[in-house]
Amino acid sequence: MKENILPAIRLTLFCALFFSGVYTLSIYGIAQFAPNKGNGEIVTVNGRNQHIHVAQNFVSDKYFWPRPSAVDYNAAGSGGSNKGITNPEYLAVVKGRIDTFLLRNPQVKRNEVPSDLVTASGSGIDPDISIQAAKVQAKRIAATRKLPEDKILELIKNQTEAPLLGMLGTEKINVLQLNIALDQLK
């Protein structure tokens, strides 16, 4: 027993010191070379600080809508719903989201509603939507803001982020940045 306990205690102490001290300080040091020193990107909009990489809840018809959030866009309580695609409660929530979307976007057909506009992400705070999700909202926004739809589509094109290194991931659009650019359109 003595042969097992002493090495286990030494390993526990080593891991505690390494992971709470050395590792933490090394990650902090690396973050100092990142943009904004690892503190995230913050923009001030209408006197409020907004985090670029945390979803914001836009519900007005004059804005692009983000993905739904299972945690009500609370970054402190990030998480998904953990309900499977066959769960009746989950299906009812998604159906309600689809119905709401179609009610406020009558020109869109049910089969044209992108999944990322009616399903929450795993974190519940995903700030990005797909290009399709942005384009399907263009008519509503153009009509509400009394702008040509082509101008909205051009904005979507200009705000599209390419995959990392041109091959990792998919094209996406940050909803907060898109809506800030939308407010600057004349």
N, C-alpha and C. Protein backbone atom coordinates (compact mmCIF):
# COMPACT_ATOMS: atom_id res chain seq x y z
N MET A 1 0.83 -1.18 0.00
CA MET A 1 0.00 0.00 0.00
C MET A 1 0.88 1.25 0.00
N LYS A 2 1.97 1.21 0.75
CA LYS A 2 2.88 2.33 0.83
C LYS A 2 3.48 2.63 -0.55
N GLU A 3 3.67 1.60 -1.34
CA GLU A 3 4.23 1.77 -2.68
C GLU A 3 3.29 2.55 -3.59
N ASN A 4 2.00 2.47 -3.36
CA ASN A 4 1.02 3.16 -4.22
C ASN A 4 0.62 4.53 -3.72
N ILE A 5 0.53 4.69 -2.42
CA ILE A 5 0.03 5.95 -1.86
C ILE A 5 1.02 7.09 -2.04
N LEU A 6 2.27 6.88 -1.73
CA LEU A 6 3.25 7.96 -1.85
C LEU A 6 3.40 8.46 -3.29
N PRO A 7 3.52 7.60 -4.30
CA PRO A 7 3.57 8.12 -5.67
C PRO A 7 2.27 8.84 -6.07
N ALA A 8 1.15 8.36 -5.58
CA ALA A 8 -0.13 9.01 -5.89
C ALA A 8 -0.19 10.41 -5.28
N ILE A 9 0.29 10.55 -4.07
CA ILE A 9 0.30 11.87 -3.42
C ILE A 9 1.26 12.81 -4.15
N ARG A 10 2.45 12.30 -4.52
CA ARG A 10 3.41 13.13 -5.26
C ARG A 10 2.83 13.57 -6.61
N LEU A 11 2.20 12.64 -7.30
CA LEU A 11 1.60 12.97 -8.60
C LEU A 11 0.48 14.00 -8.44
N THR A 12 -0.33 13.85 -7.41
CA THR A 12 -1.41 14.80 -7.15
C THR A 12 -0.85 16.20 -6.88
N LEU A 13 0.17 16.29 -6.04
CA LEU A 13 0.78 17.59 -5.74
C LEU A 13 1.43 18.20 -6.99
N PHE A 14 2.13 17.37 -7.76
CA PHE A 14 2.74 17.87 -8.99
C PHE A 14 1.68 18.41 -9.94
N CYS A 15 0.61 17.65 -10.16
CA CYS A 15 -0.46 18.09 -11.07
C CYS A 15 -1.13 19.36 -10.57
N ALA A 16 -1.36 19.44 -9.27
CA ALA A 16 -2.00 20.64 -8.71
C ALA A 16 -1.13 21.86 -8.95
N LEU A 17 0.17 21.75 -8.70
CA LEU A 17 1.08 22.88 -8.92
C LEU A 17 1.21 23.21 -10.41
N PHE A 18 1.36 22.17 -11.22
CA PHE A 18 1.55 22.40 -12.65
C PHE A 18 0.33 23.03 -13.29
N PHE A 19 -0.85 22.44 -13.07
CA PHE A 19 -2.04 22.92 -13.77
C PHE A 19 -2.63 24.19 -13.18
N SER A 20 -2.39 24.45 -11.91
CA SER A 20 -2.92 25.70 -11.35
C SER A 20 -1.90 26.82 -11.42
N GLY A 21 -0.64 26.51 -11.65
CA GLY A 21 0.38 27.55 -11.70
C GLY A 21 1.06 27.66 -13.05
N VAL A 22 1.90 26.72 -13.36
CA VAL A 22 2.73 26.78 -14.56
C VAL A 22 1.88 26.84 -15.83
N TYR A 23 0.96 25.93 -15.97
CA TYR A 23 0.12 25.89 -17.17
C TYR A 23 -0.70 27.16 -17.30
N THR A 24 -1.33 27.59 -16.22
CA THR A 24 -2.17 28.79 -16.24
C THR A 24 -1.36 30.02 -16.63
N LEU A 25 -0.18 30.17 -16.05
CA LEU A 25 0.65 31.33 -16.38
C LEU A 25 1.17 31.28 -17.82
N SER A 26 1.46 30.09 -18.31
CA SER A 26 1.92 29.99 -19.70
C SER A 26 0.80 30.35 -20.68
N ILE A 27 -0.41 29.92 -20.43
CA ILE A 27 -1.54 30.28 -21.29
C ILE A 27 -1.81 31.78 -21.20
N TYR A 28 -1.73 32.34 -20.01
CA TYR A 28 -1.90 33.78 -19.84
C TYR A 28 -0.83 34.54 -20.62
N GLY A 29 0.40 34.07 -20.58
CA GLY A 29 1.50 34.71 -21.31
C GLY A 29 1.27 34.66 -22.81
N ILE A 30 0.83 33.54 -23.32
CA ILE A 30 0.53 33.41 -24.75
C ILE A 30 -0.60 34.36 -25.15
N ALA A 31 -1.60 34.50 -24.28
CA ALA A 31 -2.74 35.37 -24.58
C ALA A 31 -2.33 36.84 -24.69
N GLN A 32 -1.22 37.22 -24.08
CA GLN A 32 -0.77 38.61 -24.15
C GLN A 32 -0.35 39.01 -25.57
N PHE A 33 -0.07 38.01 -26.42
CA PHE A 33 0.29 38.28 -27.81
C PHE A 33 -0.92 38.28 -28.74
N ALA A 34 -2.08 37.89 -28.22
CA ALA A 34 -3.32 37.85 -29.01
C ALA A 34 -3.89 39.27 -29.10
N PRO A 35 -4.76 39.50 -30.10
CA PRO A 35 -5.42 40.81 -30.17
C PRO A 35 -6.17 41.11 -28.87
N ASN A 36 -6.08 42.32 -28.42
CA ASN A 36 -6.74 42.77 -27.19
C ASN A 36 -6.25 42.01 -25.96
N LYS A 37 -5.05 41.44 -26.05
CA LYS A 37 -4.39 40.72 -24.95
C LYS A 37 -5.25 39.60 -24.36
N GLY A 38 -6.03 38.94 -25.22
CA GLY A 38 -6.82 37.81 -24.78
C GLY A 38 -8.10 38.18 -24.04
N ASN A 39 -8.45 39.44 -24.02
CA ASN A 39 -9.65 39.88 -23.32
C ASN A 39 -10.90 39.85 -24.18
N GLY A 40 -10.80 39.37 -25.40
CA GLY A 40 -11.95 39.35 -26.30
C GLY A 40 -12.10 40.69 -26.99
N GLU A 41 -12.94 40.71 -28.00
CA GLU A 41 -13.18 41.94 -28.74
C GLU A 41 -14.47 42.58 -28.25
N ILE A 42 -14.35 43.82 -27.83
CA ILE A 42 -15.49 44.54 -27.28
C ILE A 42 -15.72 45.79 -28.13
N VAL A 43 -16.98 46.03 -28.49
CA VAL A 43 -17.35 47.26 -29.19
C VAL A 43 -18.41 47.97 -28.36
N THR A 44 -18.43 49.28 -28.47
CA THR A 44 -19.44 50.07 -27.76
C THR A 44 -20.50 50.49 -28.77
N VAL A 45 -21.74 50.09 -28.51
CA VAL A 45 -22.86 50.42 -29.38
C VAL A 45 -23.94 51.07 -28.53
N ASN A 46 -24.30 52.28 -28.89
CA ASN A 46 -25.31 53.04 -28.15
C ASN A 46 -25.00 53.10 -26.65
N GLY A 47 -23.72 53.30 -26.33
CA GLY A 47 -23.31 53.43 -24.94
C GLY A 47 -23.18 52.13 -24.17
N ARG A 48 -23.42 51.00 -24.84
CA ARG A 48 -23.30 49.69 -24.17
C ARG A 48 -22.14 48.92 -24.75
N ASN A 49 -21.37 48.26 -23.89
CA ASN A 49 -20.29 47.40 -24.36
C ASN A 49 -20.87 46.07 -24.80
N GLN A 50 -20.49 45.63 -25.99
CA GLN A 50 -20.95 44.36 -26.53
C GLN A 50 -19.73 43.52 -26.88
N HIS A 51 -19.80 42.24 -26.59
CA HIS A 51 -18.72 41.32 -26.92
C HIS A 51 -18.99 40.71 -28.29
N ILE A 52 -18.02 40.85 -29.18
CA ILE A 52 -18.16 40.38 -30.57
C ILE A 52 -18.39 38.87 -30.62
N HIS A 53 -17.75 38.11 -29.75
CA HIS A 53 -17.80 36.65 -29.83
C HIS A 53 -18.85 36.01 -28.91
N VAL A 54 -19.80 36.81 -28.47
CA VAL A 54 -20.92 36.30 -27.67
C VAL A 54 -22.20 36.78 -28.35
N ALA A 55 -23.12 35.87 -28.59
CA ALA A 55 -24.36 36.21 -29.29
C ALA A 55 -25.15 37.28 -28.53
N GLN A 56 -25.77 38.16 -29.30
CA GLN A 56 -26.64 39.20 -28.75
C GLN A 56 -28.05 38.91 -29.25
N ASN A 57 -29.03 39.22 -28.46
CA ASN A 57 -30.41 38.93 -28.83
C ASN A 57 -31.01 40.11 -29.60
N PHE A 58 -31.19 39.93 -30.90
CA PHE A 58 -31.85 40.92 -31.74
C PHE A 58 -33.22 40.36 -32.11
N VAL A 59 -34.29 41.07 -31.80
CA VAL A 59 -35.63 40.57 -32.10
C VAL A 59 -36.42 41.50 -33.02
N SER A 60 -35.91 42.69 -33.25
CA SER A 60 -36.60 43.64 -34.11
C SER A 60 -36.53 43.19 -35.56
N ASP A 61 -37.57 43.47 -36.32
CA ASP A 61 -37.61 43.11 -37.74
C ASP A 61 -36.57 43.86 -38.57
N LYS A 62 -36.03 44.95 -38.05
CA LYS A 62 -35.05 45.73 -38.82
C LYS A 62 -33.63 45.22 -38.66
N TYR A 63 -33.45 44.14 -37.88
CA TYR A 63 -32.12 43.55 -37.66
C TYR A 63 -32.08 42.09 -38.09
N PHE A 64 -30.87 41.62 -38.35
CA PHE A 64 -30.65 40.20 -38.57
C PHE A 64 -30.77 39.50 -37.22
N TRP A 65 -31.43 38.36 -37.22
CA TRP A 65 -31.62 37.61 -35.98
C TRP A 65 -30.50 36.60 -35.82
N PRO A 66 -30.07 36.35 -34.59
CA PRO A 66 -29.04 35.35 -34.34
C PRO A 66 -29.66 33.96 -34.19
N ARG A 67 -28.82 33.00 -33.90
CA ARG A 67 -29.33 31.68 -33.54
C ARG A 67 -30.10 31.79 -32.24
N PRO A 68 -31.09 30.95 -32.03
CA PRO A 68 -31.76 30.92 -30.72
C PRO A 68 -30.76 30.50 -29.64
N SER A 69 -31.04 30.84 -28.42
CA SER A 69 -30.15 30.50 -27.31
C SER A 69 -30.89 29.66 -26.28
N ALA A 70 -30.26 28.58 -25.87
CA ALA A 70 -30.84 27.74 -24.82
C ALA A 70 -30.63 28.36 -23.44
N VAL A 71 -29.77 29.39 -23.36
CA VAL A 71 -29.46 30.02 -22.07
C VAL A 71 -29.82 31.50 -22.07
N ASP A 72 -30.71 31.90 -22.95
CA ASP A 72 -31.17 33.29 -23.05
C ASP A 72 -30.00 34.27 -23.23
N TYR A 73 -29.02 33.88 -24.05
CA TYR A 73 -27.87 34.72 -24.41
C TYR A 73 -27.05 35.14 -23.19
N ASN A 74 -27.01 34.31 -22.17
CA ASN A 74 -26.25 34.59 -20.96
C ASN A 74 -24.90 33.88 -21.03
N ALA A 75 -23.84 34.63 -21.27
CA ALA A 75 -22.50 34.04 -21.40
C ALA A 75 -22.02 33.42 -20.09
N ALA A 76 -22.54 33.86 -18.97
CA ALA A 76 -22.14 33.29 -17.69
C ALA A 76 -22.71 31.89 -17.50
N GLY A 77 -23.78 31.57 -18.20
CA GLY A 77 -24.41 30.27 -18.05
C GLY A 77 -24.46 29.52 -19.37
N SER A 78 -23.38 29.53 -20.11
CA SER A 78 -23.32 28.92 -21.43
C SER A 78 -23.70 27.44 -21.39
N GLY A 79 -24.49 27.00 -22.37
CA GLY A 79 -24.85 25.58 -22.45
C GLY A 79 -26.00 25.34 -23.40
N GLY A 80 -26.15 24.10 -23.81
CA GLY A 80 -27.23 23.70 -24.70
C GLY A 80 -28.40 23.14 -23.94
N SER A 81 -29.39 22.65 -24.65
CA SER A 81 -30.59 22.13 -24.00
C SER A 81 -30.47 20.67 -23.63
N ASN A 82 -29.57 19.94 -24.28
CA ASN A 82 -29.36 18.50 -24.05
C ASN A 82 -30.57 17.66 -24.40
N LYS A 83 -31.46 18.18 -25.20
CA LYS A 83 -32.62 17.40 -25.64
C LYS A 83 -32.36 16.91 -27.06
N GLY A 84 -32.66 15.64 -27.29
CA GLY A 84 -32.42 15.03 -28.59
C GLY A 84 -33.45 15.43 -29.63
N ILE A 85 -33.16 15.11 -30.87
CA ILE A 85 -34.03 15.52 -31.98
C ILE A 85 -35.36 14.79 -32.02
N THR A 86 -35.51 13.77 -31.20
CA THR A 86 -36.80 13.06 -31.15
C THR A 86 -37.60 13.42 -29.90
N ASN A 87 -37.05 14.28 -29.06
CA ASN A 87 -37.73 14.70 -27.84
C ASN A 87 -38.94 15.57 -28.21
N PRO A 88 -40.15 15.20 -27.75
CA PRO A 88 -41.36 15.97 -28.12
C PRO A 88 -41.31 17.43 -27.69
N GLU A 89 -40.74 17.72 -26.51
CA GLU A 89 -40.64 19.11 -26.05
C GLU A 89 -39.72 19.91 -26.98
N TYR A 90 -38.60 19.31 -27.35
CA TYR A 90 -37.65 19.97 -28.24
C TYR A 90 -38.28 20.23 -29.61
N LEU A 91 -38.97 19.23 -30.13
CA LEU A 91 -39.62 19.39 -31.43
C LEU A 91 -40.67 20.50 -31.39
N ALA A 92 -41.40 20.60 -30.28
CA ALA A 92 -42.41 21.66 -30.14
C ALA A 92 -41.74 23.03 -30.12
N VAL A 93 -40.60 23.15 -29.44
CA VAL A 93 -39.88 24.43 -29.38
C VAL A 93 -39.40 24.82 -30.78
N VAL A 94 -38.80 23.87 -31.49
CA VAL A 94 -38.31 24.15 -32.85
C VAL A 94 -39.47 24.52 -33.78
N LYS A 95 -40.59 23.80 -33.68
CA LYS A 95 -41.76 24.10 -34.51
C LYS A 95 -42.26 25.52 -34.21
N GLY A 96 -42.28 25.88 -32.93
CA GLY A 96 -42.69 27.24 -32.56
C GLY A 96 -41.76 28.30 -33.14
N ARG A 97 -40.45 28.01 -33.12
CA ARG A 97 -39.49 28.95 -33.70
C ARG A 97 -39.69 29.08 -35.21
N ILE A 98 -39.96 27.96 -35.87
CA ILE A 98 -40.21 28.00 -37.32
C ILE A 98 -41.47 28.81 -37.60
N ASP A 99 -42.53 28.56 -36.85
CA ASP A 99 -43.78 29.29 -37.06
C ASP A 99 -43.60 30.79 -36.84
N THR A 100 -42.85 31.16 -35.80
CA THR A 100 -42.59 32.58 -35.53
C THR A 100 -41.79 33.20 -36.67
N PHE A 101 -40.77 32.47 -37.13
CA PHE A 101 -39.96 32.98 -38.23
C PHE A 101 -40.81 33.18 -39.48
N LEU A 102 -41.64 32.21 -39.80
CA LEU A 102 -42.48 32.31 -41.01
C LEU A 102 -43.51 33.43 -40.89
N LEU A 103 -44.02 33.65 -39.69
CA LEU A 103 -44.99 34.72 -39.46
C LEU A 103 -44.36 36.09 -39.75
N ARG A 104 -43.12 36.27 -39.35
CA ARG A 104 -42.45 37.56 -39.52
C ARG A 104 -41.67 37.65 -40.83
N ASN A 105 -41.59 36.53 -41.55
CA ASN A 105 -40.94 36.48 -42.86
C ASN A 105 -41.86 35.74 -43.83
N PRO A 106 -43.01 36.33 -44.19
CA PRO A 106 -44.02 35.60 -44.96
C PRO A 106 -43.58 35.20 -46.37
N GLN A 107 -42.55 35.83 -46.90
CA GLN A 107 -42.07 35.50 -48.24
C GLN A 107 -41.22 34.22 -48.26
N VAL A 108 -40.88 33.69 -47.10
CA VAL A 108 -40.03 32.50 -47.00
C VAL A 108 -40.91 31.26 -46.87
N LYS A 109 -40.55 30.21 -47.60
CA LYS A 109 -41.26 28.93 -47.50
C LYS A 109 -40.67 28.12 -46.36
N ARG A 110 -41.47 27.25 -45.78
CA ARG A 110 -41.05 26.44 -44.64
C ARG A 110 -39.75 25.69 -44.91
N ASN A 111 -39.61 25.12 -46.10
CA ASN A 111 -38.40 24.34 -46.41
C ASN A 111 -37.18 25.21 -46.68
N GLU A 112 -37.33 26.53 -46.69
CA GLU A 112 -36.22 27.45 -46.90
C GLU A 112 -35.65 28.00 -45.59
N VAL A 113 -36.27 27.66 -44.46
CA VAL A 113 -35.80 28.16 -43.17
C VAL A 113 -34.53 27.40 -42.78
N PRO A 114 -33.40 28.09 -42.65
CA PRO A 114 -32.16 27.41 -42.27
C PRO A 114 -32.23 26.88 -40.84
N SER A 115 -31.62 25.75 -40.63
CA SER A 115 -31.68 25.12 -39.30
C SER A 115 -31.03 25.99 -38.23
N ASP A 116 -30.01 26.78 -38.59
CA ASP A 116 -29.34 27.57 -37.56
C ASP A 116 -30.18 28.75 -37.07
N LEU A 117 -31.31 29.02 -37.70
CA LEU A 117 -32.21 30.07 -37.20
C LEU A 117 -33.28 29.53 -36.27
N VAL A 118 -33.37 28.20 -36.14
CA VAL A 118 -34.41 27.62 -35.29
C VAL A 118 -33.87 26.62 -34.27
N THR A 119 -32.56 26.35 -34.32
CA THR A 119 -31.95 25.45 -33.33
C THR A 119 -30.83 26.18 -32.61
N ALA A 120 -30.74 25.99 -31.32
CA ALA A 120 -29.69 26.63 -30.53
C ALA A 120 -28.37 25.89 -30.72
N SER A 121 -27.28 26.61 -30.58
CA SER A 121 -25.97 25.99 -30.67
C SER A 121 -25.66 25.25 -29.36
N GLY A 122 -24.59 24.49 -29.36
CA GLY A 122 -24.21 23.75 -28.16
C GLY A 122 -23.86 24.65 -26.99
N SER A 123 -23.32 25.83 -27.29
CA SER A 123 -22.95 26.76 -26.22
C SER A 123 -24.11 27.67 -25.84
N GLY A 124 -25.06 27.85 -26.76
CA GLY A 124 -26.17 28.76 -26.50
C GLY A 124 -25.82 30.21 -26.74
N ILE A 125 -24.56 30.49 -27.10
CA ILE A 125 -24.14 31.88 -27.31
C ILE A 125 -23.33 32.04 -28.60
N ASP A 126 -23.59 31.20 -29.59
CA ASP A 126 -22.88 31.27 -30.87
C ASP A 126 -23.19 32.59 -31.56
N PRO A 127 -22.17 33.43 -31.84
CA PRO A 127 -22.42 34.75 -32.41
C PRO A 127 -22.61 34.75 -33.92
N ASP A 128 -22.42 33.61 -34.57
CA ASP A 128 -22.42 33.56 -36.02
C ASP A 128 -23.64 32.84 -36.58
N ILE A 129 -24.01 33.23 -37.80
CA ILE A 129 -25.04 32.51 -38.55
C ILE A 129 -24.47 32.18 -39.92
N SER A 130 -25.14 31.28 -40.61
CA SER A 130 -24.71 30.90 -41.95
C SER A 130 -25.09 31.99 -42.95
N ILE A 131 -24.49 31.92 -44.12
CA ILE A 131 -24.80 32.87 -45.19
C ILE A 131 -26.27 32.73 -45.57
N GLN A 132 -26.74 31.49 -45.66
CA GLN A 132 -28.14 31.23 -46.00
C GLN A 132 -29.07 31.87 -44.97
N ALA A 133 -28.71 31.78 -43.69
CA ALA A 133 -29.54 32.37 -42.63
C ALA A 133 -29.61 33.88 -42.76
N ALA A 134 -28.54 34.50 -43.20
CA ALA A 134 -28.55 35.95 -43.40
C ALA A 134 -29.38 36.31 -44.64
N LYS A 135 -29.17 35.58 -45.73
CA LYS A 135 -29.86 35.90 -46.99
C LYS A 135 -31.37 35.72 -46.87
N VAL A 136 -31.83 34.74 -46.10
CA VAL A 136 -33.26 34.48 -45.99
C VAL A 136 -33.96 35.61 -45.21
N GLN A 137 -33.19 36.42 -44.48
CA GLN A 137 -33.75 37.53 -43.72
C GLN A 137 -33.69 38.86 -44.49
N ALA A 138 -33.01 38.86 -45.64
CA ALA A 138 -32.75 40.09 -46.38
C ALA A 138 -34.04 40.82 -46.81
N LYS A 139 -35.03 40.09 -47.30
CA LYS A 139 -36.28 40.74 -47.77
C LYS A 139 -36.97 41.47 -46.62
N ARG A 140 -37.08 40.83 -45.47
CA ARG A 140 -37.73 41.44 -44.32
C ARG A 140 -37.01 42.72 -43.91
N ILE A 141 -35.70 42.66 -43.84
CA ILE A 141 -34.92 43.81 -43.40
C ILE A 141 -35.00 44.94 -44.42
N ALA A 142 -34.90 44.59 -45.69
CA ALA A 142 -35.00 45.61 -46.74
C ALA A 142 -36.35 46.31 -46.70
N ALA A 143 -37.42 45.55 -46.53
CA ALA A 143 -38.76 46.14 -46.47
C ALA A 143 -38.92 47.01 -45.23
N THR A 144 -38.45 46.54 -44.09
CA THR A 144 -38.58 47.30 -42.84
C THR A 144 -37.79 48.60 -42.88
N ARG A 145 -36.60 48.53 -43.44
CA ARG A 145 -35.72 49.71 -43.48
C ARG A 145 -35.91 50.55 -44.75
N LYS A 146 -36.80 50.08 -45.64
CA LYS A 146 -37.05 50.77 -46.91
C LYS A 146 -35.76 50.98 -47.69
N LEU A 147 -35.01 49.88 -47.82
CA LEU A 147 -33.77 49.86 -48.59
C LEU A 147 -33.89 48.84 -49.70
N PRO A 148 -33.14 48.99 -50.79
CA PRO A 148 -33.16 47.96 -51.82
C PRO A 148 -32.57 46.65 -51.29
N GLU A 149 -33.18 45.55 -51.65
CA GLU A 149 -32.70 44.25 -51.18
C GLU A 149 -31.26 44.00 -51.65
N ASP A 150 -30.92 44.49 -52.82
CA ASP A 150 -29.55 44.31 -53.33
C ASP A 150 -28.51 44.92 -52.39
N LYS A 151 -28.87 46.02 -51.77
CA LYS A 151 -27.95 46.68 -50.83
C LYS A 151 -27.73 45.80 -49.59
N ILE A 152 -28.79 45.15 -49.14
CA ILE A 152 -28.68 44.24 -47.99
C ILE A 152 -27.84 43.02 -48.37
N LEU A 153 -28.07 42.48 -49.56
CA LEU A 153 -27.30 41.32 -50.01
C LEU A 153 -25.82 41.66 -50.19
N GLU A 154 -25.53 42.87 -50.64
CA GLU A 154 -24.14 43.32 -50.78
C GLU A 154 -23.48 43.43 -49.40
N LEU A 155 -24.23 43.91 -48.43
CA LEU A 155 -23.72 43.99 -47.06
C LEU A 155 -23.40 42.60 -46.53
N ILE A 156 -24.28 41.64 -46.78
CA ILE A 156 -24.04 40.26 -46.36
C ILE A 156 -22.75 39.74 -46.99
N LYS A 157 -22.58 40.00 -48.27
CA LYS A 157 -21.37 39.55 -48.98
C LYS A 157 -20.12 40.17 -48.36
N ASN A 158 -20.18 41.46 -48.04
CA ASN A 158 -19.02 42.16 -47.48
C ASN A 158 -18.70 41.71 -46.05
N GLN A 159 -19.70 41.25 -45.31
CA GLN A 159 -19.50 40.85 -43.91
C GLN A 159 -19.19 39.36 -43.76
N THR A 160 -19.20 38.61 -44.86
CA THR A 160 -18.96 37.17 -44.80
C THR A 160 -17.51 36.88 -44.43
N GLU A 161 -17.34 36.01 -43.45
CA GLU A 161 -16.00 35.57 -43.03
C GLU A 161 -15.69 34.24 -43.70
N ALA A 162 -14.52 34.15 -44.30
CA ALA A 162 -14.09 32.92 -44.97
C ALA A 162 -13.68 31.88 -43.92
N PRO A 163 -13.65 30.61 -44.31
CA PRO A 163 -13.18 29.57 -43.38
C PRO A 163 -11.73 29.86 -42.95
N LEU A 164 -11.38 29.41 -41.77
CA LEU A 164 -10.03 29.57 -41.25
C LEU A 164 -9.03 28.92 -42.20
N LEU A 165 -8.01 29.66 -42.60
CA LEU A 165 -6.99 29.20 -43.54
C LEU A 165 -7.59 28.76 -44.88
N GLY A 166 -8.80 29.22 -45.17
CA GLY A 166 -9.45 28.90 -46.42
C GLY A 166 -10.02 27.51 -46.53
N MET A 167 -9.90 26.71 -45.46
CA MET A 167 -10.39 25.34 -45.57
C MET A 167 -10.97 24.75 -44.28
N LEU A 168 -10.76 25.39 -43.15
CA LEU A 168 -11.25 24.85 -41.89
C LEU A 168 -12.55 25.54 -41.48
N GLY A 169 -13.64 24.82 -41.51
CA GLY A 169 -14.93 25.38 -41.16
C GLY A 169 -15.71 25.81 -42.40
N THR A 170 -16.71 26.63 -42.17
CA THR A 170 -17.56 27.10 -43.26
C THR A 170 -17.59 28.63 -43.25
N GLU A 171 -18.15 29.20 -44.32
CA GLU A 171 -18.34 30.64 -44.32
C GLU A 171 -19.39 30.99 -43.27
N LYS A 172 -19.23 32.14 -42.64
CA LYS A 172 -20.16 32.55 -41.59
C LYS A 172 -20.20 34.05 -41.50
N ILE A 173 -21.17 34.54 -40.74
CA ILE A 173 -21.33 35.98 -40.53
C ILE A 173 -21.58 36.22 -39.05
N ASN A 174 -20.84 37.17 -38.48
CA ASN A 174 -21.05 37.57 -37.10
C ASN A 174 -22.26 38.50 -37.07
N VAL A 175 -23.29 38.13 -36.34
CA VAL A 175 -24.55 38.88 -36.34
C VAL A 175 -24.39 40.28 -35.77
N LEU A 176 -23.63 40.43 -34.70
CA LEU A 176 -23.45 41.76 -34.11
C LEU A 176 -22.74 42.69 -35.09
N GLN A 177 -21.66 42.22 -35.69
CA GLN A 177 -20.94 43.06 -36.65
C GLN A 177 -21.81 43.38 -37.87
N LEU A 178 -22.60 42.41 -38.31
CA LEU A 178 -23.50 42.63 -39.44
C LEU A 178 -24.54 43.69 -39.11
N ASN A 179 -25.11 43.63 -37.91
CA ASN A 179 -26.13 44.60 -37.52
C ASN A 179 -25.55 45.99 -37.28
N ILE A 180 -24.30 46.06 -36.81
CA ILE A 180 -23.65 47.36 -36.67
C ILE A 180 -23.45 47.98 -38.05
N ALA A 181 -22.97 47.17 -39.00
CA ALA A 181 -22.79 47.65 -40.38
C ALA A 181 -24.14 48.03 -41.01
N LEU A 182 -25.18 47.27 -40.68
CA LEU A 182 -26.51 47.57 -41.19
C LEU A 182 -27.01 48.93 -40.71
N ASP A 183 -26.75 49.26 -39.44
CA ASP A 183 -27.16 50.55 -38.91
C ASP A 183 -26.41 51.70 -39.57
N GLN A 184 -25.25 51.43 -40.15
CA GLN A 184 -24.47 52.47 -40.81
C GLN A 184 -24.85 52.67 -42.27
N LEU A 185 -25.69 51.77 -42.80
CA LEU A 185 -26.16 51.91 -44.19
C LEU A 185 -27.12 53.10 -44.30
N LYS A 186 -27.04 53.76 -45.40
CA LYS A 186 -27.97 54.87 -45.67
C LYS A 186 -28.67 54.59 -46.97
